[in-house]
Amino acid sequence: MTDGTDQDRRTARQARIVALVISVTMLVWMAAQWVGGELGLEPRYVFLLDLLALASFFWAFVVTWQIWRKRRDN
């Protein structure tokens, strides 16, 4: 019984980390877009920030998929 609750706690912790990553990524990306526009950054730097945000979202999607599969298999 304790194994189930330990597993549930780990899964909940992973889900909270994913939620935090998604939230922080979105806020940082929006701030970077605004700062880039104000400073007149070259499009290649703004595109690099977009790629970093996409990589973060992809990571969050993969971990969410793993959580979903783990919960479904139990």
C-alpha atoms as a PDB file:
ATOM      1  CA  MET A   1       0.000   0.000   0.000  1.00  0.00           C
ATOM      2  CA  THR A   2       2.835   2.395   0.722  1.00  0.00           C
ATOM      3  CA  ASP A   3       4.321   1.638  -2.695  1.00  0.00           C
ATOM      4  CA  GLY A   4       1.164   2.935  -4.350  1.00  0.00           C
ATOM      5  CA  THR A   5       1.176   6.155  -2.378  1.00  0.00           C
ATOM      6  CA  ASP A   6       4.897   6.657  -2.983  1.00  0.00           C
ATOM      7  CA  GLN A   7       4.315   6.156  -6.694  1.00  0.00           C
ATOM      8  CA  ASP A   8       1.368   8.565  -6.583  1.00  0.00           C
ATOM      9  CA  ARG A   9       3.515  11.162  -4.820  1.00  0.00           C
ATOM     10  CA  ARG A  10       6.255  10.828  -7.444  1.00  0.00           C
ATOM     11  CA  THR A  11       3.712  11.147 -10.223  1.00  0.00           C
ATOM     12  CA  ALA A  12       2.128  14.201  -8.592  1.00  0.00           C
ATOM     13  CA  ARG A  13       5.570  15.755  -8.163  1.00  0.00           C
ATOM     14  CA  GLN A  14       6.329  15.195 -11.845  1.00  0.00           C
ATOM     15  CA  ALA A  15       3.014  16.763 -12.801  1.00  0.00           C
ATOM     16  CA  ARG A  16       3.744  19.826 -10.657  1.00  0.00           C
ATOM     17  CA  ILE A  17       7.177  20.189 -12.269  1.00  0.00           C
ATOM     18  CA  VAL A  18       5.611  19.988 -15.727  1.00  0.00           C
ATOM     19  CA  ALA A  19       3.047  22.640 -14.785  1.00  0.00           C
ATOM     20  CA  LEU A  20       5.797  24.883 -13.434  1.00  0.00           C
ATOM     21  CA  VAL A  21       7.930  24.445 -16.563  1.00  0.00           C
ATOM     22  CA  ILE A  22       4.996  25.278 -18.833  1.00  0.00           C
ATOM     23  CA  SER A  23       4.073  28.364 -16.799  1.00  0.00           C
ATOM     24  CA  VAL A  24       7.604  29.702 -16.485  1.00  0.00           C
ATOM     25  CA  THR A  25       8.362  29.011 -20.133  1.00  0.00           C
ATOM     26  CA  MET A  26       5.295  30.915 -21.266  1.00  0.00           C
ATOM     27  CA  LEU A  27       6.060  33.896 -19.027  1.00  0.00           C
ATOM     28  CA  VAL A  28       9.734  34.022 -20.032  1.00  0.00           C
ATOM     29  CA  TRP A  29       8.858  33.641 -23.706  1.00  0.00           C
ATOM     30  CA  MET A  30       6.315  36.471 -23.557  1.00  0.00           C
ATOM     31  CA  ALA A  31       8.776  38.713 -21.703  1.00  0.00           C
ATOM     32  CA  ALA A  32      11.533  37.877 -24.186  1.00  0.00           C
ATOM     33  CA  GLN A  33       9.256  38.747 -27.112  1.00  0.00           C
ATOM     34  CA  TRP A  34       8.446  42.091 -25.540  1.00  0.00           C
ATOM     35  CA  VAL A  35      12.060  42.873 -24.651  1.00  0.00           C
ATOM     36  CA  GLY A  36      13.182  41.787 -28.112  1.00  0.00           C
ATOM     37  CA  GLY A  37      10.725  44.183 -29.692  1.00  0.00           C
ATOM     38  CA  GLU A  38      11.748  47.045 -27.425  1.00  0.00           C
ATOM     39  CA  LEU A  39      15.461  46.520 -27.988  1.00  0.00           C
ATOM     40  CA  GLY A  40      15.095  45.787 -31.676  1.00  0.00           C
ATOM     41  CA  LEU A  41      16.842  42.427 -31.520  1.00  0.00           C
ATOM     42  CA  GLU A  42      17.625  40.716 -34.780  1.00  0.00           C
ATOM     43  CA  PRO A  43      15.060  38.120 -35.843  1.00  0.00           C
ATOM     44  CA  ARG A  44      17.600  35.291 -35.558  1.00  0.00           C
ATOM     45  CA  TYR A  45      17.918  35.888 -31.801  1.00  0.00           C
ATOM     46  CA  VAL A  46      14.169  36.036 -31.359  1.00  0.00           C
ATOM     47  CA  PHE A  47      13.880  32.823 -33.393  1.00  0.00           C
ATOM     48  CA  LEU A  48      16.429  31.214 -31.075  1.00  0.00           C
ATOM     49  CA  LEU A  49      14.251  32.125 -28.086  1.00  0.00           C
ATOM     50  CA  ASP A  50      11.266  30.617 -29.895  1.00  0.00           C
ATOM     51  CA  LEU A  51      13.185  27.376 -30.429  1.00  0.00           C
ATOM     52  CA  LEU A  52      14.143  27.235 -26.755  1.00  0.00           C
ATOM     53  CA  ALA A  53      10.508  27.688 -25.770  1.00  0.00           C
ATOM     54  CA  LEU A  54       9.463  24.961 -28.206  1.00  0.00           C
ATOM     55  CA  ALA A  55      12.082  22.610 -26.749  1.00  0.00           C
ATOM     56  CA  SER A  56      10.746  23.269 -23.265  1.00  0.00           C
ATOM     57  CA  PHE A  57       7.164  22.641 -24.380  1.00  0.00           C
ATOM     58  CA  PHE A  58       8.233  19.446 -26.147  1.00  0.00           C
ATOM     59  CA  TRP A  59       9.917  18.228 -22.943  1.00  0.00           C
ATOM     60  CA  ALA A  60       6.746  18.998 -20.990  1.00  0.00           C
ATOM     61  CA  PHE A  61       4.673  17.107 -23.559  1.00  0.00           C
ATOM     62  CA  VAL A  62       6.933  14.041 -23.348  1.00  0.00           C
ATOM     63  CA  VAL A  63       6.842  13.970 -19.548  1.00  0.00           C
ATOM     64  CA  THR A  64       3.067  14.483 -19.560  1.00  0.00           C
ATOM     65  CA  TRP A  65       2.757  11.582 -21.992  1.00  0.00           C
ATOM     66  CA  GLN A  66       4.869   9.416 -19.662  1.00  0.00           C
ATOM     67  CA  ILE A  67       2.698  10.361 -16.679  1.00  0.00           C
ATOM     68  CA  TRP A  68      -0.447   9.564 -18.636  1.00  0.00           C
ATOM     69  CA  ARG A  69       0.921   6.172 -19.702  1.00  0.00           C
ATOM     70  CA  LYS A  70       2.037   5.361 -16.163  1.00  0.00           C
ATOM     71  CA  ARG A  71      -1.382   6.233 -14.726  1.00  0.00           C
ATOM     72  CA  ARG A  72      -3.176   4.315 -17.464  1.00  0.00           C
ATOM     73  CA  ASP A  73      -1.084   1.178 -16.908  1.00  0.00           C
ATOM     74  CA  ASN A  74      -1.810   1.195 -13.183  1.00  0.00           C
END
